[in-house]
């Protein structure tokens, strides 16, 4: 692990901040990662999608999903589905037997961005954050988020500030306010975090 990232993790742990994350894949423009096909179910070709979402209940009644095939996405209509925790059991049109279903194991599943459930005013989808100006309550304007990194503990945003890359966790505990109209993310970063990068 790079030294600056290790210092950041140590600093957050010292403050008693316990963070968690989820894997975020944004490989297809205009789509977001819903989950991964992890197993088959029965002889009629049902498959289980392990959902990679905060609230699986919001995805209980989907009408279609997009499966990654090679480097493109193909739409599949859902004939029926049921939810078991974070596993969505679906029967997709065109997948009619177990042999066909087995060929889809470990395939990534996507939905269009417009299918994302609405968020409260102080929540943020990670793809929205890229390109936002970051303003810290103490440090002022830090720069524009250029990238989001999927780290083991939590997603990290990257901004260029005073000629240096600064990483900070994109988690609700640090977000004060989101101005979507003007593309500004107001944050309250832990004291000392910026010093790690600016020394």
C-alpha atoms as a PDB file:
ATOM      1  CA  UNK A   1       0.000   0.000   0.000  1.00  0.00           C
ATOM      2  CA  UNK A   2       1.441   3.442  -0.905  1.00  0.00           C
ATOM      3  CA  UNK A   3       2.736   5.434   2.081  1.00  0.00           C
ATOM      4  CA  UNK A   4       0.220   8.312   1.785  1.00  0.00           C
ATOM      5  CA  UNK A   5      -2.699   5.889   1.589  1.00  0.00           C
ATOM      6  CA  UNK A   6      -1.386   3.973   4.611  1.00  0.00           C
ATOM      7  CA  UNK A   7      -1.067   7.265   6.530  1.00  0.00           C
ATOM      8  CA  UNK A   8      -4.639   8.159   5.606  1.00  0.00           C
ATOM      9  CA  UNK A   9      -5.951   4.772   6.774  1.00  0.00           C
ATOM     10  CA  UNK A  10      -3.979   5.078  10.028  1.00  0.00           C
ATOM     11  CA  UNK A  11      -5.326   8.607  10.590  1.00  0.00           C
ATOM     12  CA  UNK A  12      -8.945   7.520  10.076  1.00  0.00           C
ATOM     13  CA  UNK A  13      -8.476   4.521  12.372  1.00  0.00           C
ATOM     14  CA  UNK A  14      -6.948   6.789  15.028  1.00  0.00           C
ATOM     15  CA  UNK A  15     -10.083   8.968  14.864  1.00  0.00           C
ATOM     16  CA  UNK A  16     -12.200   5.875  15.450  1.00  0.00           C
ATOM     17  CA  UNK A  17     -13.888   6.093  12.074  1.00  0.00           C
ATOM     18  CA  UNK A  18     -15.083   2.711  10.910  1.00  0.00           C
ATOM     19  CA  UNK A  19     -15.863   2.819   7.222  1.00  0.00           C
ATOM     20  CA  UNK A  20     -17.167   0.271   4.796  1.00  0.00           C
ATOM     21  CA  UNK A  21     -17.473   0.108   1.051  1.00  0.00           C
ATOM     22  CA  UNK A  22     -18.899  -1.759  -1.802  1.00  0.00           C
ATOM     23  CA  UNK A  23     -17.401  -2.623  -5.124  1.00  0.00           C
ATOM     24  CA  UNK A  24     -18.280  -0.060  -7.764  1.00  0.00           C
ATOM     25  CA  UNK A  25     -17.784  -0.910 -11.423  1.00  0.00           C
ATOM     26  CA  UNK A  26     -18.487   1.687 -14.074  1.00  0.00           C
ATOM     27  CA  UNK A  27     -17.294  -0.062 -17.201  1.00  0.00           C
ATOM     28  CA  UNK A  28     -20.157   0.846 -19.538  1.00  0.00           C
ATOM     29  CA  UNK A  29     -21.115   4.455 -20.266  1.00  0.00           C
ATOM     30  CA  UNK A  30     -24.680   5.147 -19.122  1.00  0.00           C
ATOM     31  CA  UNK A  31     -24.973   1.956 -17.029  1.00  0.00           C
ATOM     32  CA  UNK A  32     -24.163   0.923 -13.483  1.00  0.00           C
ATOM     33  CA  UNK A  33     -23.109  -2.409 -12.025  1.00  0.00           C
ATOM     34  CA  UNK A  34     -26.043  -4.233 -10.419  1.00  0.00           C
ATOM     35  CA  UNK A  35     -24.337  -7.493  -9.505  1.00  0.00           C
ATOM     36  CA  UNK A  36     -22.838 -10.764 -10.690  1.00  0.00           C
ATOM     37  CA  UNK A  37     -24.442 -14.060 -11.706  1.00  0.00           C
ATOM     38  CA  UNK A  38     -23.201 -16.499  -9.080  1.00  0.00           C
ATOM     39  CA  UNK A  39     -25.148 -19.714  -9.611  1.00  0.00           C
ATOM     40  CA  UNK A  40     -27.951 -21.496 -11.416  1.00  0.00           C
ATOM     41  CA  UNK A  41     -31.211 -22.690  -9.902  1.00  0.00           C
ATOM     42  CA  UNK A  42     -33.307 -25.572 -11.197  1.00  0.00           C
ATOM     43  CA  UNK A  43     -33.618 -27.163 -14.607  1.00  0.00           C
ATOM     44  CA  UNK A  44     -35.498 -24.281 -16.281  1.00  0.00           C
ATOM     45  CA  UNK A  45     -32.490 -21.984 -16.442  1.00  0.00           C
ATOM     46  CA  UNK A  46     -33.046 -19.694 -13.474  1.00  0.00           C
ATOM     47  CA  UNK A  47     -29.987 -17.810 -12.260  1.00  0.00           C
ATOM     48  CA  UNK A  48     -29.030 -16.069  -9.033  1.00  0.00           C
ATOM     49  CA  UNK A  49     -27.644 -12.532  -9.260  1.00  0.00           C
ATOM     50  CA  UNK A  50     -25.630 -11.466  -6.216  1.00  0.00           C
ATOM     51  CA  UNK A  51     -26.743  -7.834  -5.904  1.00  0.00           C
ATOM     52  CA  UNK A  52     -24.063  -5.221  -5.270  1.00  0.00           C
ATOM     53  CA  UNK A  53     -26.461  -2.534  -4.006  1.00  0.00           C
ATOM     54  CA  UNK A  54     -27.302  -0.836  -0.713  1.00  0.00           C
ATOM     55  CA  UNK A  55     -30.994  -1.797  -0.672  1.00  0.00           C
ATOM     56  CA  UNK A  56     -31.796  -5.048  -2.517  1.00  0.00           C
ATOM     57  CA  UNK A  57     -35.552  -4.589  -1.933  1.00  0.00           C
ATOM     58  CA  UNK A  58     -35.560  -1.734  -4.451  1.00  0.00           C
ATOM     59  CA  UNK A  59     -34.592  -4.238  -7.156  1.00  0.00           C
ATOM     60  CA  UNK A  60     -37.182  -6.912  -6.410  1.00  0.00           C
ATOM     61  CA  UNK A  61     -39.443  -6.193  -9.407  1.00  0.00           C
ATOM     62  CA  UNK A  62     -37.138  -5.473 -12.344  1.00  0.00           C
ATOM     63  CA  UNK A  63     -38.457  -5.982 -15.869  1.00  0.00           C
ATOM     64  CA  UNK A  64     -35.071  -6.405 -17.586  1.00  0.00           C
ATOM     65  CA  UNK A  65     -31.323  -6.522 -16.957  1.00  0.00           C
ATOM     66  CA  UNK A  66     -28.258  -6.052 -19.162  1.00  0.00           C
ATOM     67  CA  UNK A  67     -25.641  -8.814 -19.176  1.00  0.00           C
ATOM     68  CA  UNK A  68     -22.051  -8.185 -20.155  1.00  0.00           C
ATOM     69  CA  UNK A  69     -21.128 -10.352 -23.108  1.00  0.00           C
ATOM     70  CA  UNK A  70     -17.591  -9.814 -24.311  1.00  0.00           C
ATOM     71  CA  UNK A  71     -17.276  -6.010 -24.197  1.00  0.00           C
ATOM     72  CA  UNK A  72     -20.922  -5.141 -24.833  1.00  0.00           C
ATOM     73  CA  UNK A  73     -24.180  -5.302 -22.923  1.00  0.00           C
ATOM     74  CA  UNK A  74     -27.181  -7.339 -24.053  1.00  0.00           C
ATOM     75  CA  UNK A  75     -30.686  -6.748 -22.723  1.00  0.00           C
ATOM     76  CA  UNK A  76     -32.612  -9.697 -21.252  1.00  0.00           C
ATOM     77  CA  UNK A  77     -36.275  -9.507 -20.252  1.00  0.00           C
ATOM     78  CA  UNK A  78     -37.099 -10.930 -16.823  1.00  0.00           C
ATOM     79  CA  UNK A  79     -39.937 -13.465 -16.960  1.00  0.00           C
ATOM     80  CA  UNK A  80     -40.157 -13.822 -13.172  1.00  0.00           C
ATOM     81  CA  UNK A  81     -38.031 -13.114 -10.129  1.00  0.00           C
ATOM     82  CA  UNK A  82     -37.825 -13.490  -6.372  1.00  0.00           C
ATOM     83  CA  UNK A  83     -35.499 -11.955  -3.811  1.00  0.00           C
ATOM     84  CA  UNK A  84     -33.659 -13.926  -1.130  1.00  0.00           C
ATOM     85  CA  UNK A  85     -31.578 -11.429   0.883  1.00  0.00           C
ATOM     86  CA  UNK A  86     -29.064  -9.998  -1.562  1.00  0.00           C
ATOM     87  CA  UNK A  87     -29.664 -12.776  -4.117  1.00  0.00           C
ATOM     88  CA  UNK A  88     -32.105 -12.097  -6.928  1.00  0.00           C
ATOM     89  CA  UNK A  89     -33.420 -15.334  -8.474  1.00  0.00           C
ATOM     90  CA  UNK A  90     -34.464 -14.570 -12.058  1.00  0.00           C
ATOM     91  CA  UNK A  91     -35.722 -16.427 -15.081  1.00  0.00           C
ATOM     92  CA  UNK A  92     -34.552 -14.552 -18.185  1.00  0.00           C
ATOM     93  CA  UNK A  93     -36.160 -14.811 -21.579  1.00  0.00           C
ATOM     94  CA  UNK A  94     -33.869 -16.829 -23.866  1.00  0.00           C
ATOM     95  CA  UNK A  95     -32.236 -18.824 -21.055  1.00  0.00           C
ATOM     96  CA  UNK A  96     -34.459 -21.881 -20.867  1.00  0.00           C
ATOM     97  CA  UNK A  97     -32.359 -24.689 -19.343  1.00  0.00           C
ATOM     98  CA  UNK A  98     -29.602 -25.324 -16.825  1.00  0.00           C
ATOM     99  CA  UNK A  99     -26.937 -25.842 -19.496  1.00  0.00           C
ATOM    100  CA  UNK A 100     -27.663 -22.419 -21.014  1.00  0.00           C
ATOM    101  CA  UNK A 101     -27.771 -20.828 -17.561  1.00  0.00           C
ATOM    102  CA  UNK A 102     -24.367 -22.296 -16.609  1.00  0.00           C
ATOM    103  CA  UNK A 103     -22.734 -20.427 -19.488  1.00  0.00           C
ATOM    104  CA  UNK A 104     -23.683 -17.153 -17.731  1.00  0.00           C
ATOM    105  CA  UNK A 105     -21.934 -17.898 -14.423  1.00  0.00           C
ATOM    106  CA  UNK A 106     -19.703 -15.002 -13.267  1.00  0.00           C
ATOM    107  CA  UNK A 107     -21.238 -12.650 -15.861  1.00  0.00           C
ATOM    108  CA  UNK A 108     -21.616  -9.040 -14.683  1.00  0.00           C
ATOM    109  CA  UNK A 109     -25.118  -7.541 -14.653  1.00  0.00           C
ATOM    110  CA  UNK A 110     -25.946  -3.875 -15.311  1.00  0.00           C
ATOM    111  CA  UNK A 111     -28.871  -1.451 -15.385  1.00  0.00           C
ATOM    112  CA  UNK A 112     -29.195   1.960 -17.089  1.00  0.00           C
ATOM    113  CA  UNK A 113     -28.280   4.935 -14.877  1.00  0.00           C
ATOM    114  CA  UNK A 114     -31.848   6.250 -15.153  1.00  0.00           C
ATOM    115  CA  UNK A 115     -32.979   3.123 -13.266  1.00  0.00           C
ATOM    116  CA  UNK A 116     -31.072   4.189 -10.138  1.00  0.00           C
ATOM    117  CA  UNK A 117     -33.418   4.697  -7.185  1.00  0.00           C
ATOM    118  CA  UNK A 118     -33.683   8.325  -6.027  1.00  0.00           C
ATOM    119  CA  UNK A 119     -31.460   9.368  -3.120  1.00  0.00           C
ATOM    120  CA  UNK A 120     -31.978  11.774  -0.260  1.00  0.00           C
ATOM    121  CA  UNK A 121     -30.443  15.215  -0.681  1.00  0.00           C
ATOM    122  CA  UNK A 122     -27.297  14.294   1.282  1.00  0.00           C
ATOM    123  CA  UNK A 123     -26.562  11.021  -0.509  1.00  0.00           C
ATOM    124  CA  UNK A 124     -24.454  10.603  -3.606  1.00  0.00           C
ATOM    125  CA  UNK A 125     -23.910   7.974  -6.264  1.00  0.00           C
ATOM    126  CA  UNK A 126     -20.193   7.660  -6.942  1.00  0.00           C
ATOM    127  CA  UNK A 127     -20.490   8.239 -10.689  1.00  0.00           C
ATOM    128  CA  UNK A 128     -22.115  11.612  -9.876  1.00  0.00           C
ATOM    129  CA  UNK A 129     -19.081  12.716  -7.853  1.00  0.00           C
ATOM    130  CA  UNK A 130     -16.628  12.683 -10.770  1.00  0.00           C
ATOM    131  CA  UNK A 131     -16.312  16.265 -12.029  1.00  0.00           C
ATOM    132  CA  UNK A 132     -17.710  17.886  -8.863  1.00  0.00           C
ATOM    133  CA  UNK A 133     -15.821  20.723  -7.172  1.00  0.00           C
ATOM    134  CA  UNK A 134     -14.903  19.813  -3.574  1.00  0.00           C
ATOM    135  CA  UNK A 135     -15.085  22.466  -0.863  1.00  0.00           C
ATOM    136  CA  UNK A 136     -13.880  21.535   2.619  1.00  0.00           C
ATOM    137  CA  UNK A 137     -15.220  23.424   5.663  1.00  0.00           C
ATOM    138  CA  UNK A 138     -11.641  24.250   6.788  1.00  0.00           C
ATOM    139  CA  UNK A 139      -9.484  23.824   3.692  1.00  0.00           C
ATOM    140  CA  UNK A 140     -11.740  25.712   1.262  1.00  0.00           C
ATOM    141  CA  UNK A 141     -11.850  24.714  -2.393  1.00  0.00           C
ATOM    142  CA  UNK A 142      -9.739  21.600  -2.908  1.00  0.00           C
ATOM    143  CA  UNK A 143     -10.292  20.973  -6.610  1.00  0.00           C
ATOM    144  CA  UNK A 144     -12.372  18.845  -8.950  1.00  0.00           C
ATOM    145  CA  UNK A 145     -12.870  15.114  -8.398  1.00  0.00           C
ATOM    146  CA  UNK A 146     -11.016  13.457 -11.254  1.00  0.00           C
ATOM    147  CA  UNK A 147     -11.407   9.803 -10.274  1.00  0.00           C
ATOM    148  CA  UNK A 148     -13.053   7.500  -7.785  1.00  0.00           C
ATOM    149  CA  UNK A 149     -10.926   4.564  -6.613  1.00  0.00           C
ATOM    150  CA  UNK A 150     -12.501   1.365  -5.301  1.00  0.00           C
ATOM    151  CA  UNK A 151     -10.528   0.711  -2.130  1.00  0.00           C
ATOM    152  CA  UNK A 152     -11.046  -2.196   0.279  1.00  0.00           C
ATOM    153  CA  UNK A 153     -12.339  -0.031   3.143  1.00  0.00           C
ATOM    154  CA  UNK A 154     -14.317   2.612   1.188  1.00  0.00           C
ATOM    155  CA  UNK A 155     -14.411   4.428  -2.140  1.00  0.00           C
ATOM    156  CA  UNK A 156     -11.821   7.232  -2.388  1.00  0.00           C
ATOM    157  CA  UNK A 157     -12.051  10.440  -4.402  1.00  0.00           C
ATOM    158  CA  UNK A 158      -8.978  11.971  -6.038  1.00  0.00           C
ATOM    159  CA  UNK A 159      -8.520  15.741  -6.450  1.00  0.00           C
ATOM    160  CA  UNK A 160      -5.511  17.791  -7.511  1.00  0.00           C
ATOM    161  CA  UNK A 161      -4.762  20.485  -4.896  1.00  0.00           C
ATOM    162  CA  UNK A 162      -1.659  22.679  -4.839  1.00  0.00           C
ATOM    163  CA  UNK A 163      -0.057  20.393  -7.409  1.00  0.00           C
ATOM    164  CA  UNK A 164      -0.569  17.250  -5.345  1.00  0.00           C
ATOM    165  CA  UNK A 165      -3.083  14.435  -5.465  1.00  0.00           C
ATOM    166  CA  UNK A 166      -5.326  14.298  -2.415  1.00  0.00           C
ATOM    167  CA  UNK A 167      -7.439  11.234  -1.639  1.00  0.00           C
ATOM    168  CA  UNK A 168     -10.406  11.282   0.697  1.00  0.00           C
ATOM    169  CA  UNK A 169     -13.178   8.807   1.504  1.00  0.00           C
ATOM    170  CA  UNK A 170     -16.484   9.428  -0.259  1.00  0.00           C
ATOM    171  CA  UNK A 171     -18.735   8.430   2.624  1.00  0.00           C
ATOM    172  CA  UNK A 172     -21.708  10.138   4.218  1.00  0.00           C
ATOM    173  CA  UNK A 173     -19.887  10.870   7.491  1.00  0.00           C
ATOM    174  CA  UNK A 174     -17.693  13.413   5.616  1.00  0.00           C
ATOM    175  CA  UNK A 175     -20.365  14.920   3.352  1.00  0.00           C
ATOM    176  CA  UNK A 176     -21.947  18.145   4.616  1.00  0.00           C
ATOM    177  CA  UNK A 177     -24.032  19.037   1.582  1.00  0.00           C
ATOM    178  CA  UNK A 178     -24.385  18.248  -2.102  1.00  0.00           C
ATOM    179  CA  UNK A 179     -25.197  20.996  -4.604  1.00  0.00           C
ATOM    180  CA  UNK A 180     -26.101  18.942  -7.675  1.00  0.00           C
ATOM    181  CA  UNK A 181     -27.187  21.963  -9.705  1.00  0.00           C
ATOM    182  CA  UNK A 182     -23.783  23.677  -9.416  1.00  0.00           C
ATOM    183  CA  UNK A 183     -21.824  20.362  -9.165  1.00  0.00           C
ATOM    184  CA  UNK A 184     -20.306  21.165  -5.733  1.00  0.00           C
ATOM    185  CA  UNK A 185     -19.594  18.670  -2.960  1.00  0.00           C
ATOM    186  CA  UNK A 186     -19.245  20.298   0.466  1.00  0.00           C
ATOM    187  CA  UNK A 187     -17.215  18.119   2.833  1.00  0.00           C
ATOM    188  CA  UNK A 188     -16.051  18.142   6.432  1.00  0.00           C
ATOM    189  CA  UNK A 189     -12.805  16.167   6.245  1.00  0.00           C
ATOM    190  CA  UNK A 190     -11.107  15.005   9.449  1.00  0.00           C
ATOM    191  CA  UNK A 191      -8.607  17.399  10.953  1.00  0.00           C
ATOM    192  CA  UNK A 192      -5.104  16.560   9.758  1.00  0.00           C
ATOM    193  CA  UNK A 193      -6.146  14.643   6.655  1.00  0.00           C
ATOM    194  CA  UNK A 194      -5.019  17.372   4.241  1.00  0.00           C
ATOM    195  CA  UNK A 195      -1.717  17.717   6.122  1.00  0.00           C
ATOM    196  CA  UNK A 196      -0.847  14.136   5.163  1.00  0.00           C
ATOM    197  CA  UNK A 197      -0.746  15.188   1.514  1.00  0.00           C
ATOM    198  CA  UNK A 198       0.500  18.760   1.745  1.00  0.00           C
ATOM    199  CA  UNK A 199       3.616  18.164   3.873  1.00  0.00           C
END
